[in-house]
Protein backbone atom coordinates (compact mmCIF):
# COMPACT_ATOMS: atom_id res chain seq x y z
CA MET A 1 0.00 0.00 0.00
CA VAL A 2 1.34 3.44 -0.97
CA MET A 3 0.60 6.35 1.32
CA LEU A 4 -0.50 9.45 -0.58
CA GLY A 5 1.41 11.85 1.68
CA THR A 6 4.75 10.09 1.19
CA ARG A 7 7.31 11.73 -1.08
CA THR A 8 10.01 9.79 -2.85
CA VAL A 9 13.17 10.67 -4.72
CA SER A 10 11.31 10.25 -8.00
CA ASP A 11 9.02 13.14 -6.96
CA HIS A 12 12.02 15.47 -6.90
CA VAL A 13 13.24 14.19 -10.26
CA ALA A 14 9.81 14.59 -11.81
CA LEU A 15 9.49 18.14 -10.50
CA ALA A 16 12.92 19.04 -11.87
CA GLU A 17 11.98 17.62 -15.28
CA ILE A 18 8.72 19.57 -15.29
CA GLU A 19 10.60 22.76 -14.44
CA LEU A 20 13.10 22.20 -17.27
CA CYS A 21 10.29 21.50 -19.74
CA GLY A 22 8.62 24.72 -18.64
CA GLU A 23 11.84 26.67 -19.20
CA LEU A 24 12.13 25.18 -22.69
CA MET A 25 8.51 26.09 -23.49
CA ILE A 26 9.07 29.67 -22.37
CA ALA A 27 12.21 29.93 -24.48
CA ALA A 28 10.46 28.36 -27.49
CA SER A 29 7.54 30.76 -27.25
CA ALA A 30 9.94 33.71 -27.22
CA ALA A 31 12.03 32.38 -30.14
CA ILE A 32 11.89 34.15 -33.48
CA GLY A 33 12.42 31.07 -35.68
CA GLU A 34 10.57 27.78 -35.80
CA ARG A 35 13.03 25.93 -33.58
CA LEU A 36 15.51 26.58 -30.82
CA SER A 37 19.12 26.01 -31.79
CA ALA A 38 21.10 23.36 -29.93
CA ASP A 39 23.17 26.15 -28.38
CA ARG A 40 20.03 27.95 -27.14
CA ILE A 41 18.66 24.70 -25.68
CA ASP A 42 21.95 24.14 -23.88
CA GLU A 43 21.81 27.72 -22.58
CA VAL A 44 18.23 27.30 -21.29
CA LEU A 45 19.09 23.97 -19.64
CA ASN A 46 22.28 25.48 -18.20
CA VAL A 47 24.57 22.97 -19.89
CA ARG A 48 28.22 23.93 -19.63
CA VAL A 49 31.09 22.92 -21.89
CA ILE A 50 34.49 23.04 -20.21
CA ALA A 51 37.57 22.98 -22.45
CA GLU A 52 36.92 20.28 -25.04
CA ARG A 53 35.07 18.06 -22.59
CA THR A 54 31.30 18.19 -22.24
CA THR A 55 30.12 17.87 -18.64
CA VAL A 56 26.53 17.09 -19.65
CA PRO A 57 25.54 15.57 -23.01
CA ARG A 58 24.55 18.31 -25.44
CA GLN A 59 21.17 18.09 -27.14
CA ALA A 60 22.82 18.02 -30.58
CA ASP A 61 24.66 14.82 -29.62
CA HIS A 62 21.33 12.99 -29.26
CA ARG A 63 20.06 13.89 -32.72
CA GLY A 64 20.60 11.49 -35.55
């Protein structure tokens, strides 16, 4: 039985994902073109590239 008042780690992850999606939607609605560039997505998601090493996978790396 799951208690409705109990929070789990997945709640925090889900809330973080919802917040990031919201940030992307805000950025997309303010964009002039049809799509956000990979660099703009990385900026919105606060992805940093240090030297030649990526600390978090860039969105462009996931596209085929």
